[in-house]
Amino acid sequence: MSNNTGVIHDIGFRHYDGPRLGRGYLVRSLYIESLRGCYGLGRSAKSKIMPFLLLVVMVAPAVIVAVVAGVTKLDKLPISYVQYMFALGAAIAIFVAAQAPATVSRDLRFRVMPLYLSRPLTRNDYVLAKYGAMSSALFILIAVPQTALFAGALLAKMSFWPNAKDWAAGLLGALFLSLVLGGIGLLIASVTPRRGFGVAAVITVQLLLGLVSGVLASLADVQGHRSLAGYVALINPVSLVQGVLHWMVDTPVSYPQPPPGTVGGLVFTAAMIAVIAGCYALLIARYRKVSAS
């Protein structure tokens, strides 16, 4: 007959007496980790290739322009900071398409939302952290080359205040574009847990909006409807931001007609705010439907 005896093992568990950091710390931690994840930090080497390659693609032309301007002793940069941002729009679009699904689709695919929500973190906190991280990653991608261009202009002994003013306008544009594209990218990516589908969907929507906006604006301009050609640019998120910057800081636009007058500028600004707020609200609505169990 067996002799069953109970044994108590001390495995070293101790009561935690440290500080309770609360929701704010959780949101901040999720924001930081999501921002790091946009550049593959803390992940495999493969995850770092695309974001850092795109960062190099964004920065390298700025360095070349700055060097050439210094060697040839130009009094002014051949391209403005805002124009530089939109000239490399393809790299920005690829970054959004690649990193927006990586930011949110992975959580849906591996069903980790219940883990997040088992803590004091709310769905609104989750959306705030993810939106903030994606927008910050985009802002870094755009602002770093603009800053390199500004540093090059100063090293070439160009006038400080005109360059500082244009650089500030470029940073303002980087902020607007980051909020708009970051929100749209996350909203599209949040629909599917499959990262590949998310990448394809984000890049397709960006291409279609740009194509439709460009064709309609050109047709309206050719037929003499200049006001309509200006307002058609509202369809494309990139030209939307261009229109706002044209009204605020008088930067040129790459489509046929700028926003018509003050009314047009106000309409473009209101539309941009509506896009940002709408993306945030729709993301919250989307994550209210995600199961927490």
Protein backbone atom coordinates (compact mmCIF):
# COMPACT_ATOMS: atom_id res chain seq x y z
CA MET A 1 0.00 0.00 0.00
CA SER A 2 1.45 3.37 -1.10
CA ASN A 3 2.13 6.07 1.42
CA ASN A 4 0.97 9.45 -0.03
CA THR A 5 2.29 12.43 1.87
CA GLY A 6 1.84 16.08 0.98
CA VAL A 7 4.92 18.26 0.63
CA ILE A 8 4.96 22.07 0.55
CA HIS A 9 7.70 23.54 -1.63
CA ASP A 10 8.96 27.08 -1.17
CA ILE A 11 9.48 28.39 -4.71
CA GLY A 12 10.36 31.90 -3.68
CA PHE A 13 7.17 33.89 -4.33
CA ARG A 14 7.06 37.13 -2.39
CA HIS A 15 4.40 39.75 -1.99
CA TYR A 16 5.00 42.84 -4.16
CA ASP A 17 5.31 45.99 -2.05
CA GLY A 18 6.53 48.37 -4.78
CA PRO A 19 4.66 51.25 -6.43
CA ARG A 20 1.59 50.63 -8.60
CA LEU A 21 2.34 52.54 -11.78
CA GLY A 22 -1.21 52.62 -13.17
CA ARG A 23 -2.81 53.26 -16.55
CA GLY A 24 -0.55 56.12 -17.58
CA TYR A 25 2.51 53.91 -17.35
CA LEU A 26 0.77 51.18 -19.35
CA VAL A 27 -0.20 53.58 -22.13
CA ARG A 28 3.30 55.04 -22.22
CA SER A 29 4.89 51.59 -22.32
CA LEU A 30 2.60 50.42 -25.13
CA TYR A 31 3.34 53.62 -27.06
CA ILE A 32 7.11 53.22 -26.70
CA GLU A 33 7.10 49.54 -27.62
CA SER A 34 4.85 50.18 -30.62
CA LEU A 35 7.09 53.04 -31.77
CA ARG A 36 10.16 50.84 -31.42
CA GLY A 37 8.35 48.10 -33.30
CA CYS A 38 7.73 50.43 -36.27
CA TYR A 39 11.50 50.44 -36.79
CA GLY A 40 11.99 46.78 -35.88
CA LEU A 41 13.74 47.57 -32.60
CA GLY A 42 13.45 44.69 -30.18
CA ARG A 43 12.56 42.35 -33.04
CA SER A 44 14.48 40.23 -35.52
CA ALA A 45 17.06 41.67 -37.89
CA LYS A 46 14.67 41.02 -40.78
CA SER A 47 12.12 43.37 -39.23
CA LYS A 48 14.65 46.23 -39.21
CA ILE A 49 15.54 46.05 -42.92
CA MET A 50 12.52 47.77 -44.45
CA PRO A 51 12.07 50.71 -42.02
CA PHE A 52 15.77 51.57 -41.85
CA LEU A 53 16.16 51.18 -45.62
CA LEU A 54 13.32 53.65 -46.12
CA LEU A 55 14.89 56.00 -43.58
CA VAL A 56 18.14 55.89 -45.57
CA VAL A 57 16.18 56.53 -48.78
CA MET A 58 14.64 59.59 -47.13
CA VAL A 59 17.88 60.96 -45.65
CA ALA A 60 20.40 60.25 -48.42
CA PRO A 61 19.03 62.79 -50.97
CA ALA A 62 18.95 65.47 -48.25
CA VAL A 63 22.62 64.87 -47.48
CA ILE A 64 23.51 64.96 -51.19
CA VAL A 65 21.56 68.20 -51.73
CA ALA A 66 23.22 69.78 -48.70
CA VAL A 67 26.71 68.75 -49.84
CA VAL A 68 26.16 70.01 -53.40
CA ALA A 69 24.75 73.29 -52.08
CA GLY A 70 27.80 73.72 -49.88
CA VAL A 71 30.34 72.87 -52.59
CA THR A 72 28.70 75.12 -55.19
CA LYS A 73 28.22 77.89 -52.59
CA LEU A 74 24.49 78.34 -53.24
CA ASP A 75 22.68 81.09 -51.36
CA LYS A 76 19.50 79.04 -51.17
CA LEU A 77 18.57 75.37 -51.17
CA PRO A 78 17.34 74.15 -54.57
CA ILE A 79 14.29 72.57 -52.91
CA SER A 80 12.20 73.69 -49.95
CA TYR A 81 11.68 71.52 -46.88
CA VAL A 82 7.99 71.01 -47.66
CA GLN A 83 8.69 70.19 -51.31
CA TYR A 84 11.33 67.68 -50.24
CA MET A 85 8.78 65.88 -48.08
CA PHE A 86 6.30 65.47 -50.92
CA ALA A 87 9.00 64.64 -53.48
CA LEU A 88 9.71 61.45 -51.50
CA GLY A 89 6.05 60.60 -51.01
CA ALA A 90 6.53 57.09 -52.44
CA ALA A 91 8.88 56.11 -49.59
CA ILE A 92 6.43 57.52 -47.04
CA ALA A 93 3.55 55.56 -48.60
CA ILE A 94 5.56 52.33 -48.50
CA PHE A 95 6.44 52.92 -44.85
CA VAL A 96 2.77 53.39 -43.96
CA ALA A 97 1.77 50.28 -45.90
CA ALA A 98 4.49 48.17 -44.27
CA GLN A 99 4.31 49.36 -40.67
CA ALA A 100 0.62 50.10 -40.04
CA PRO A 101 -0.31 46.38 -40.33
CA ALA A 102 2.72 45.44 -38.23
CA THR A 103 1.49 47.82 -35.53
CA VAL A 104 -2.05 46.46 -35.14
CA SER A 105 -2.64 43.35 -37.28
CA ARG A 106 -0.21 41.25 -35.24
CA ASP A 107 -2.23 41.84 -32.05
CA LEU A 108 -5.43 40.74 -33.79
CA ARG A 109 -3.85 37.70 -35.40
CA PHE A 110 -2.32 36.33 -32.22
CA ARG A 111 -5.35 37.32 -30.10
CA VAL A 112 -3.41 39.27 -27.48
CA MET A 113 -6.11 41.89 -26.93
CA PRO A 114 -7.46 39.96 -23.89
CA LEU A 115 -3.98 40.23 -22.34
CA TYR A 116 -3.91 43.99 -22.86
CA LEU A 117 -7.42 44.45 -21.51
CA SER A 118 -6.82 42.23 -18.48
CA ARG A 119 -4.95 45.21 -17.02
CA PRO A 120 -6.34 48.72 -16.34
CA LEU A 121 -5.65 49.49 -20.03
CA THR A 122 -8.86 50.42 -21.89
CA ARG A 123 -9.65 50.13 -25.58
CA ASN A 124 -9.36 53.92 -25.89
CA ASP A 125 -5.90 53.76 -24.29
CA TYR A 126 -4.87 51.07 -26.77
CA VAL A 127 -5.99 53.16 -29.76
CA LEU A 128 -4.31 56.29 -28.35
CA ALA A 129 -0.99 54.48 -27.88
CA LYS A 130 -1.06 52.83 -31.31
CA TYR A 131 -2.14 55.99 -33.16
CA GLY A 132 0.50 58.01 -31.33
CA ALA A 133 3.21 55.47 -32.08
CA MET A 134 2.40 55.21 -35.80
CA SER A 135 2.19 58.99 -36.20
CA SER A 136 5.46 59.47 -34.27
CA ALA A 137 7.23 56.88 -36.43
CA LEU A 138 6.09 58.70 -39.56
CA PHE A 139 7.09 62.06 -38.13
CA ILE A 140 10.59 60.75 -37.44
CA LEU A 141 10.82 59.38 -40.99
CA ILE A 142 9.90 62.78 -42.45
CA ALA A 143 11.51 65.16 -39.95
CA VAL A 144 14.97 63.56 -39.82
CA PRO A 145 15.81 64.27 -43.50
CA GLN A 146 14.35 67.78 -43.19
CA THR A 147 16.60 68.38 -40.20
CA ALA A 148 19.57 67.01 -42.14
CA LEU A 149 18.74 69.45 -44.92
CA PHE A 150 18.55 72.31 -42.41
CA ALA A 151 21.90 71.34 -40.87
CA GLY A 152 23.44 71.21 -44.33
CA ALA A 153 22.11 74.67 -45.13
CA LEU A 154 23.68 76.07 -41.96
CA LEU A 155 26.99 74.34 -42.67
CA ALA A 156 26.91 75.90 -46.14
CA LYS A 157 26.57 79.28 -44.35
CA MET A 158 23.14 80.08 -45.76
CA SER A 159 20.90 82.60 -44.02
CA PHE A 160 19.69 81.23 -40.69
CA TRP A 161 16.23 82.79 -40.24
CA PRO A 162 14.82 82.06 -43.73
CA ASN A 163 15.95 78.46 -43.41
CA ALA A 164 14.67 78.18 -39.84
CA LYS A 165 11.28 79.48 -40.97
CA ASP A 166 11.11 77.03 -43.88
CA TRP A 167 12.31 74.18 -41.67
CA ALA A 168 9.55 74.94 -39.15
CA ALA A 169 7.03 74.89 -42.01
CA GLY A 170 8.43 71.52 -43.05
CA LEU A 171 8.05 70.13 -39.54
CA LEU A 172 4.47 71.41 -39.43
CA GLY A 173 3.80 69.60 -42.69
CA ALA A 174 5.45 66.47 -41.32
CA LEU A 175 3.13 66.58 -38.31
CA PHE A 176 0.01 66.99 -40.43
CA LEU A 177 0.99 64.28 -42.91
CA SER A 178 1.94 61.88 -40.12
CA LEU A 179 -1.42 62.26 -38.37
CA VAL A 180 -3.42 61.90 -41.59
CA LEU A 181 -1.55 58.95 -43.14
CA GLY A 182 -0.99 57.26 -39.78
CA GLY A 183 -4.70 57.32 -38.99
CA ILE A 184 -5.77 56.08 -42.42
CA GLY A 185 -3.14 53.33 -42.42
CA LEU A 186 -4.08 52.04 -38.96
CA LEU A 187 -7.80 52.15 -39.75
CA ILE A 188 -7.36 50.02 -42.87
CA ALA A 189 -4.91 47.63 -41.18
CA SER A 190 -7.21 47.13 -38.19
CA VAL A 191 -9.82 45.47 -40.39
CA THR A 192 -7.76 42.32 -41.02
CA PRO A 193 -5.49 40.20 -38.79
CA ARG A 194 -3.45 39.19 -41.84
CA ARG A 195 -0.46 41.46 -42.27
CA GLY A 196 -0.09 40.69 -45.97
CA PHE A 197 -3.69 41.66 -46.67
CA GLY A 198 -3.21 44.79 -44.61
CA VAL A 199 -0.12 45.84 -46.58
CA ALA A 200 -1.91 45.30 -49.89
CA ALA A 201 -5.04 47.14 -48.71
CA VAL A 202 -3.15 50.19 -47.40
CA ILE A 203 -1.03 50.64 -50.52
CA THR A 204 -4.03 50.06 -52.81
CA VAL A 205 -6.15 52.68 -51.07
CA GLN A 206 -3.33 55.22 -51.21
CA LEU A 207 -2.73 54.60 -54.92
CA LEU A 208 -6.43 54.73 -55.81
CA LEU A 209 -7.06 57.96 -53.90
CA GLY A 210 -4.03 59.61 -55.51
CA LEU A 211 -4.97 58.38 -58.99
CA VAL A 212 -8.65 59.37 -58.79
CA SER A 213 -7.82 62.77 -57.31
CA GLY A 214 -5.16 63.50 -59.94
CA VAL A 215 -7.33 62.49 -62.90
CA LEU A 216 -10.40 64.41 -61.73
CA ALA A 217 -8.36 67.52 -60.87
CA SER A 218 -6.69 67.49 -64.30
CA LEU A 219 -10.01 67.04 -66.13
CA ALA A 220 -11.64 69.86 -64.17
CA ASP A 221 -8.68 72.15 -64.80
CA VAL A 222 -8.62 71.42 -68.54
CA GLN A 223 -12.34 72.22 -68.79
CA GLY A 224 -11.82 75.53 -67.01
CA HIS A 225 -13.39 74.57 -63.67
CA ARG A 226 -10.49 75.78 -61.58
CA SER A 227 -12.33 75.96 -58.26
CA LEU A 228 -13.57 72.41 -58.73
CA ALA A 229 -10.03 71.30 -59.64
CA GLY A 230 -8.83 72.77 -56.36
CA TYR A 231 -11.49 71.08 -54.27
CA VAL A 232 -11.04 67.68 -55.93
CA ALA A 233 -7.66 67.51 -54.19
CA LEU A 234 -9.59 66.84 -50.97
CA ILE A 235 -9.94 63.22 -52.10
CA ASN A 236 -6.23 62.50 -51.77
CA PRO A 237 -4.77 62.66 -48.22
CA VAL A 238 -1.40 63.90 -49.52
CA SER A 239 -2.85 66.71 -51.64
CA LEU A 240 -5.17 67.53 -48.73
CA VAL A 241 -2.14 68.28 -46.55
CA GLN A 242 -0.51 70.15 -49.42
CA GLY A 243 -3.58 72.38 -49.66
CA VAL A 244 -3.52 73.14 -45.94
CA LEU A 245 0.17 74.04 -46.06
CA HIS A 246 -0.35 76.19 -49.16
CA TRP A 247 -2.95 78.21 -47.27
CA MET A 248 -1.01 78.40 -44.00
CA VAL A 249 2.59 78.93 -45.13
CA ASP A 250 2.21 79.62 -48.88
CA THR A 251 3.99 76.51 -50.16
CA PRO A 252 3.50 75.35 -53.77
CA VAL A 253 1.28 72.40 -54.64
CA SER A 254 1.96 69.55 -57.07
CA TYR A 255 -1.57 69.32 -58.49
CA PRO A 256 -3.21 71.67 -61.02
CA GLN A 257 -4.94 74.14 -58.69
CA PRO A 258 -4.42 75.10 -55.01
CA PRO A 259 -7.37 75.63 -52.62
CA PRO A 260 -9.38 78.62 -53.92
CA GLY A 261 -8.76 81.50 -51.55
CA THR A 262 -9.35 81.75 -47.82
CA VAL A 263 -12.57 79.75 -48.00
CA GLY A 264 -10.74 76.94 -49.74
CA GLY A 265 -7.99 77.00 -47.13
CA LEU A 266 -10.51 76.79 -44.32
CA VAL A 267 -12.33 73.93 -46.05
CA PHE A 268 -9.07 72.01 -46.49
CA THR A 269 -8.10 72.59 -42.86
CA ALA A 270 -11.52 71.49 -41.61
CA ALA A 271 -11.36 68.41 -43.84
CA MET A 272 -7.92 67.48 -42.50
CA ILE A 273 -9.11 67.79 -38.90
CA ALA A 274 -12.17 65.72 -39.78
CA VAL A 275 -10.01 62.99 -41.31
CA ILE A 276 -7.78 62.79 -38.23
CA ALA A 277 -10.69 62.85 -35.77
CA GLY A 278 -12.71 60.46 -37.93
CA CYS A 279 -9.89 57.90 -38.13
CA TYR A 280 -9.45 58.04 -34.36
CA ALA A 281 -13.19 57.66 -33.71
CA LEU A 282 -13.51 54.78 -36.18
CA LEU A 283 -10.53 53.02 -34.62
CA ILE A 284 -12.17 53.24 -31.21
CA ALA A 285 -15.41 51.89 -32.69
CA ARG A 286 -13.48 49.08 -34.36
CA TYR A 287 -11.77 47.98 -31.16
CA ARG A 288 -15.00 48.06 -29.20
CA LYS A 289 -16.01 45.10 -31.34
CA VAL A 290 -12.83 43.14 -30.56
CA SER A 291 -13.48 40.43 -27.98
CA ALA A 292 -11.71 40.76 -24.64
CA SER A 293 -12.01 37.06 -23.85
